[in-house]
């Protein structure tokens, strides 16, 4: 296992786990796995690497509690437990031939990164892809190698970055993701929007997409922050009759409108 800090503060780290061939499993972008630290506990984390690169799995973890703190303290070469995949993932087959608008905030880029790299690896199967990503400060932006160098060099891929608060070195846009998205004014024609981030950001991104003319069936989002057991038994992630860990974490805006406004 390798450990890579993503932010200057060290509050987000990416774990790269190399799996023996007999232990590899199939998954879809947007799905999650249960990570275990022996003697500490387990937690649900989205898979941030694409299924097109099955020899390694990556998990980007924000330090927020006991288990995530233990994951952060692991040293390269140590072992963790992995169970999965859980959830439904993004409908990659249905997205073929369409343009993609990826909108993310903070650590919310992690599950979308799996989708982005899946599309990059199968570039000819999808239309143009536009990535809109923001964080609180330039130091809080994740996956810097990809957002600044790798992805902008891929044909028909655009990357637009913003931060809530800049610094003396930042020369890019400053502003919240939803308002930045409306300024960019992407066309909804032939495009599917996919978003993930803090719940308050998702709320206003969905409103921005509506203002831009996106229909409910053109918008997909994740609600993964509510998952815990992964199999719909603990009851922690239910929204009405739906369980985020089983029926999600990916939902269309059309599906969200049929659910209680608890997310």
Protein backbone atom coordinates (compact mmCIF):
# COMPACT_ATOMS: atom_id res chain seq x y z
CA UNK A 1 0.00 0.00 0.00
CA UNK A 2 1.11 3.55 -0.79
CA UNK A 3 -0.09 6.71 0.99
CA UNK A 4 -0.21 10.09 -0.79
CA UNK A 5 -1.25 13.40 0.85
CA UNK A 6 -3.70 15.35 -1.31
CA UNK A 7 -3.90 18.63 0.60
CA UNK A 8 -1.32 20.85 2.30
CA UNK A 9 -3.00 20.36 5.68
CA UNK A 10 -2.90 16.59 5.32
CA UNK A 11 -6.62 16.23 6.08
CA UNK A 12 -7.11 14.22 2.86
CA UNK A 13 -4.89 11.31 1.85
CA UNK A 14 -5.14 8.80 -0.97
CA UNK A 15 -4.40 5.15 -0.25
CA UNK A 16 -3.25 3.09 -3.20
CA UNK A 17 -3.66 -0.63 -2.66
CA UNK A 18 -2.15 -3.20 -5.01
CA UNK A 19 -4.28 -6.33 -5.16
CA UNK A 20 -3.21 -9.86 -6.07
CA UNK A 21 -5.00 -10.98 -9.22
CA UNK A 22 -7.11 -13.52 -7.30
CA UNK A 23 -8.44 -10.77 -4.99
CA UNK A 24 -9.49 -8.28 -7.66
CA UNK A 25 -13.18 -7.52 -8.13
CA UNK A 26 -15.28 -5.77 -10.74
CA UNK A 27 -16.91 -2.44 -9.91
CA UNK A 28 -18.45 0.61 -11.53
CA UNK A 29 -17.36 4.24 -11.17
CA UNK A 30 -19.20 5.73 -8.21
CA UNK A 31 -19.33 2.52 -6.18
CA UNK A 32 -17.79 2.20 -2.72
CA UNK A 33 -15.97 -0.31 -0.57
CA UNK A 34 -15.75 -0.96 3.15
CA UNK A 35 -12.24 -0.32 4.48
CA UNK A 36 -11.18 -1.97 7.73
CA UNK A 37 -8.34 -1.11 10.07
CA UNK A 38 -7.82 -4.16 12.20
CA UNK A 39 -8.56 -3.49 15.87
CA UNK A 40 -10.11 -0.09 15.13
CA UNK A 41 -13.16 -0.49 12.90
CA UNK A 42 -14.40 0.01 9.37
CA UNK A 43 -15.97 2.72 7.23
CA UNK A 44 -17.44 3.14 3.76
CA UNK A 45 -15.23 4.99 1.27
CA UNK A 46 -15.79 5.64 -2.43
CA UNK A 47 -13.39 4.02 -4.88
CA UNK A 48 -11.53 6.88 -6.53
CA UNK A 49 -9.67 4.81 -9.14
CA UNK A 50 -11.33 3.56 -12.36
CA UNK A 51 -12.30 -0.06 -13.10
CA UNK A 52 -10.18 0.17 -16.25
CA UNK A 53 -7.10 -0.09 -13.97
CA UNK A 54 -7.98 -3.16 -11.86
CA UNK A 55 -4.48 -3.96 -10.61
CA UNK A 56 -4.71 -1.14 -8.05
CA UNK A 57 -7.51 0.42 -6.02
CA UNK A 58 -7.35 3.98 -4.71
CA UNK A 59 -9.36 5.46 -1.86
CA UNK A 60 -9.22 9.16 -1.00
CA UNK A 61 -9.97 9.58 2.69
CA UNK A 62 -10.78 12.73 4.64
CA UNK A 63 -9.86 12.58 8.31
CA UNK A 64 -13.13 13.05 10.18
CA UNK A 65 -13.29 10.32 12.85
CA UNK A 66 -11.64 7.39 14.58
CA UNK A 67 -11.43 5.00 11.62
CA UNK A 68 -10.42 7.63 9.07
CA UNK A 69 -7.76 8.86 11.51
CA UNK A 70 -6.42 5.30 11.74
CA UNK A 71 -6.37 5.08 7.94
CA UNK A 72 -4.37 8.31 7.83
CA UNK A 73 -1.83 6.92 10.27
CA UNK A 74 -1.08 3.82 8.20
CA UNK A 75 2.41 3.51 6.80
CA UNK A 76 3.30 2.39 3.27
CA UNK A 77 3.36 -1.39 3.10
CA UNK A 78 0.77 -1.96 5.82
CA UNK A 79 -2.42 -3.93 5.13
CA UNK A 80 -6.08 -2.98 5.35
CA UNK A 81 -9.28 -4.96 4.87
CA UNK A 82 -11.40 -4.27 1.78
CA UNK A 83 -14.94 -5.48 1.10
CA UNK A 84 -17.03 -4.48 -1.84
CA UNK A 85 -18.23 -3.14 -4.09
CA UNK A 86 -21.33 -1.50 -2.61
CA UNK A 87 -23.98 0.70 -4.18
CA UNK A 88 -25.07 1.24 -7.75
CA UNK A 89 -22.44 3.46 -9.40
CA UNK A 90 -22.79 5.67 -12.47
CA UNK A 91 -24.61 4.26 -15.54
CA UNK A 92 -21.56 4.29 -17.80
CA UNK A 93 -23.30 2.35 -20.57
CA UNK A 94 -26.14 4.87 -20.77
CA UNK A 95 -23.65 7.75 -20.86
CA UNK A 96 -21.86 6.52 -23.99
CA UNK A 97 -21.93 9.01 -26.83
CA UNK A 98 -23.07 11.86 -24.58
CA UNK A 99 -21.27 14.93 -23.38
CA UNK A 100 -20.42 14.97 -19.69
CA UNK A 101 -20.43 17.86 -17.24
CA UNK A 102 -18.63 16.87 -14.03
CA UNK A 103 -19.19 19.26 -11.10
CA UNK A 104 -17.37 18.62 -7.84
CA UNK A 105 -16.40 20.29 -4.59
CA UNK A 106 -13.60 19.29 -2.23
CA UNK A 107 -13.32 15.57 -1.53
CA UNK A 108 -16.45 15.14 -3.68
CA UNK A 109 -14.14 14.82 -6.67
CA UNK A 110 -13.06 11.37 -5.42
CA UNK A 111 -15.97 9.25 -6.76
CA UNK A 112 -16.18 11.44 -9.86
CA UNK A 113 -12.45 10.93 -10.44
CA UNK A 114 -13.19 7.24 -10.96
CA UNK A 115 -15.66 8.17 -13.68
CA UNK A 116 -13.39 10.79 -15.26
CA UNK A 117 -10.46 8.39 -15.55
CA UNK A 118 -12.77 5.65 -16.84
CA UNK A 119 -13.87 8.03 -19.62
CA UNK A 120 -10.26 9.09 -20.25
CA UNK A 121 -9.26 5.43 -20.67
CA UNK A 122 -12.19 4.85 -23.07
CA UNK A 123 -12.17 8.31 -24.62
CA UNK A 124 -13.57 7.36 -28.02
CA UNK A 125 -16.81 6.06 -26.47
CA UNK A 126 -17.91 9.38 -24.93
CA UNK A 127 -18.53 12.94 -26.02
CA UNK A 128 -16.74 16.07 -24.78
CA UNK A 129 -16.19 16.25 -21.02
CA UNK A 130 -16.15 19.44 -18.98
CA UNK A 131 -14.90 19.31 -15.38
CA UNK A 132 -15.83 22.08 -12.95
CA UNK A 133 -14.10 21.72 -9.60
CA UNK A 134 -13.70 23.92 -6.55
CA UNK A 135 -12.39 23.91 -3.01
CA UNK A 136 -12.08 26.32 -0.11
CA UNK A 137 -8.50 27.36 -0.94
CA UNK A 138 -5.88 26.40 -3.54
CA UNK A 139 -4.24 24.16 -0.91
CA UNK A 140 -7.52 22.23 -0.53
CA UNK A 141 -7.71 21.20 -4.19
CA UNK A 142 -7.24 17.43 -4.55
CA UNK A 143 -5.60 15.38 -7.31
CA UNK A 144 -3.43 18.31 -8.42
CA UNK A 145 -1.43 16.28 -10.95
CA UNK A 146 -4.61 15.42 -12.81
CA UNK A 147 -6.55 18.68 -12.55
CA UNK A 148 -3.60 20.87 -13.55
CA UNK A 149 -1.69 18.62 -15.96
CA UNK A 150 -3.11 15.24 -16.98
CA UNK A 151 -6.78 15.95 -17.67
CA UNK A 152 -6.34 19.29 -19.52
CA UNK A 153 -4.09 17.44 -21.98
CA UNK A 154 -6.73 14.87 -22.92
CA UNK A 155 -8.62 15.52 -26.19
CA UNK A 156 -12.06 17.09 -25.72
CA UNK A 157 -11.58 17.54 -21.97
CA UNK A 158 -11.80 20.95 -20.30
CA UNK A 159 -10.97 21.64 -16.65
CA UNK A 160 -12.33 24.73 -14.88
CA UNK A 161 -11.13 25.42 -11.33
CA UNK A 162 -12.30 27.84 -8.68
CA UNK A 163 -11.61 28.45 -4.98
CA UNK A 164 -13.67 30.14 -2.30
CA UNK A 165 -10.65 32.16 -1.18
CA UNK A 166 -7.46 32.70 -3.16
CA UNK A 167 -3.92 33.46 -2.04
CA UNK A 168 -0.97 35.44 -3.40
CA UNK A 169 -0.11 32.67 -5.88
CA UNK A 170 -3.62 31.89 -7.12
CA UNK A 171 -4.45 33.51 -10.47
CA UNK A 172 -7.61 31.56 -11.28
CA UNK A 173 -11.28 32.31 -10.58
CA UNK A 174 -12.49 32.93 -7.02
CA UNK A 175 -16.04 32.03 -6.14
CA UNK A 176 -18.36 29.26 -5.06
CA UNK A 177 -18.88 26.32 -7.40
CA UNK A 178 -22.62 26.89 -8.10
CA UNK A 179 -22.18 30.54 -9.10
CA UNK A 180 -19.02 29.70 -11.07
CA UNK A 181 -20.99 27.02 -12.91
CA UNK A 182 -23.70 29.51 -13.87
CA UNK A 183 -21.03 31.93 -15.12
CA UNK A 184 -19.60 29.21 -17.37
CA UNK A 185 -23.13 28.55 -18.65
CA UNK A 186 -22.59 25.12 -20.22
CA UNK A 187 -25.22 24.05 -22.72
CA UNK A 188 -27.47 21.16 -21.64
CA UNK A 189 -27.90 19.88 -25.20
CA UNK A 190 -26.75 16.27 -25.40
CA UNK A 191 -25.07 16.55 -21.99
CA UNK A 192 -25.45 14.70 -18.69
CA UNK A 193 -24.33 16.51 -15.51
CA UNK A 194 -22.79 14.55 -12.63
CA UNK A 195 -22.10 16.17 -9.28
CA UNK A 196 -20.71 15.36 -5.86
CA UNK A 197 -19.56 17.46 -2.94
CA UNK A 198 -20.75 18.82 0.40
CA UNK A 199 -24.56 18.59 0.73
CA UNK A 200 -25.01 22.37 0.70
CA UNK A 201 -22.96 22.61 -2.51
CA UNK A 202 -24.99 19.86 -4.16
CA UNK A 203 -28.22 21.67 -3.26
CA UNK A 204 -27.16 24.86 -5.02
CA UNK A 205 -25.47 23.06 -7.93
CA UNK A 206 -28.78 21.30 -8.64
CA UNK A 207 -30.51 24.67 -8.63
CA UNK A 208 -27.86 26.11 -10.95
CA UNK A 209 -28.27 23.21 -13.37
CA UNK A 210 -32.01 23.79 -13.42
CA UNK A 211 -31.44 27.47 -14.17
CA UNK A 212 -29.16 26.43 -17.06
CA UNK A 213 -31.91 24.31 -18.59
CA UNK A 214 -30.90 20.81 -17.53
CA UNK A 215 -33.86 18.43 -17.20
CA UNK A 216 -34.17 16.14 -14.17
CA UNK A 217 -33.14 13.07 -16.17
CA UNK A 218 -29.93 14.83 -17.26
CA UNK A 219 -28.60 15.24 -13.70
CA UNK A 220 -26.96 12.58 -11.51
CA UNK A 221 -25.58 13.08 -8.03
CA UNK A 222 -24.27 11.01 -5.12
CA UNK A 223 -25.44 10.98 -1.50
CA UNK A 224 -22.64 8.82 -0.19
CA UNK A 225 -22.00 10.76 3.01
CA UNK A 226 -24.97 9.02 4.63
CA UNK A 227 -23.78 5.42 4.14
CA UNK A 228 -22.57 3.21 6.96
CA UNK A 229 -23.31 -0.54 6.79
CA UNK A 230 -23.51 -0.92 3.02
CA UNK A 231 -26.34 -3.48 2.96
CA UNK A 232 -29.43 -1.56 4.06
CA UNK A 233 -29.64 -3.09 7.54
CA UNK A 234 -28.48 -0.45 10.02
CA UNK A 235 -31.07 2.14 8.93
CA UNK A 236 -28.63 5.04 9.12
CA UNK A 237 -28.91 6.01 5.45
CA UNK A 238 -32.59 5.57 4.69
CA UNK A 239 -34.41 8.47 3.05
CA UNK A 240 -38.05 7.51 3.10
CA UNK A 241 -38.19 3.99 1.70
CA UNK A 242 -34.84 4.23 -0.08
CA UNK A 243 -31.44 3.23 1.27
CA UNK A 244 -28.49 5.23 0.00
CA UNK A 245 -26.08 2.30 0.40
CA UNK A 246 -28.27 -0.05 -1.69
CA UNK A 247 -30.38 2.16 -3.98
CA UNK A 248 -27.58 4.74 -4.32
CA UNK A 249 -25.21 6.36 -3.78
CA UNK A 250 -25.94 7.62 -7.31
CA UNK A 251 -29.40 9.07 -7.89
CA UNK A 252 -30.90 11.05 -10.72
CA UNK A 253 -32.52 14.37 -9.91
CA UNK A 254 -35.79 12.78 -11.03
CA UNK A 255 -35.37 10.14 -8.29
CA UNK A 256 -34.47 12.77 -5.69
CA UNK A 257 -37.72 14.61 -6.34
CA UNK A 258 -39.60 11.46 -5.35
CA UNK A 259 -37.78 11.26 -2.00
CA UNK A 260 -38.29 13.24 1.23
CA UNK A 261 -36.11 16.35 1.36
CA UNK A 262 -33.75 14.92 3.99
CA UNK A 263 -30.56 14.84 1.94
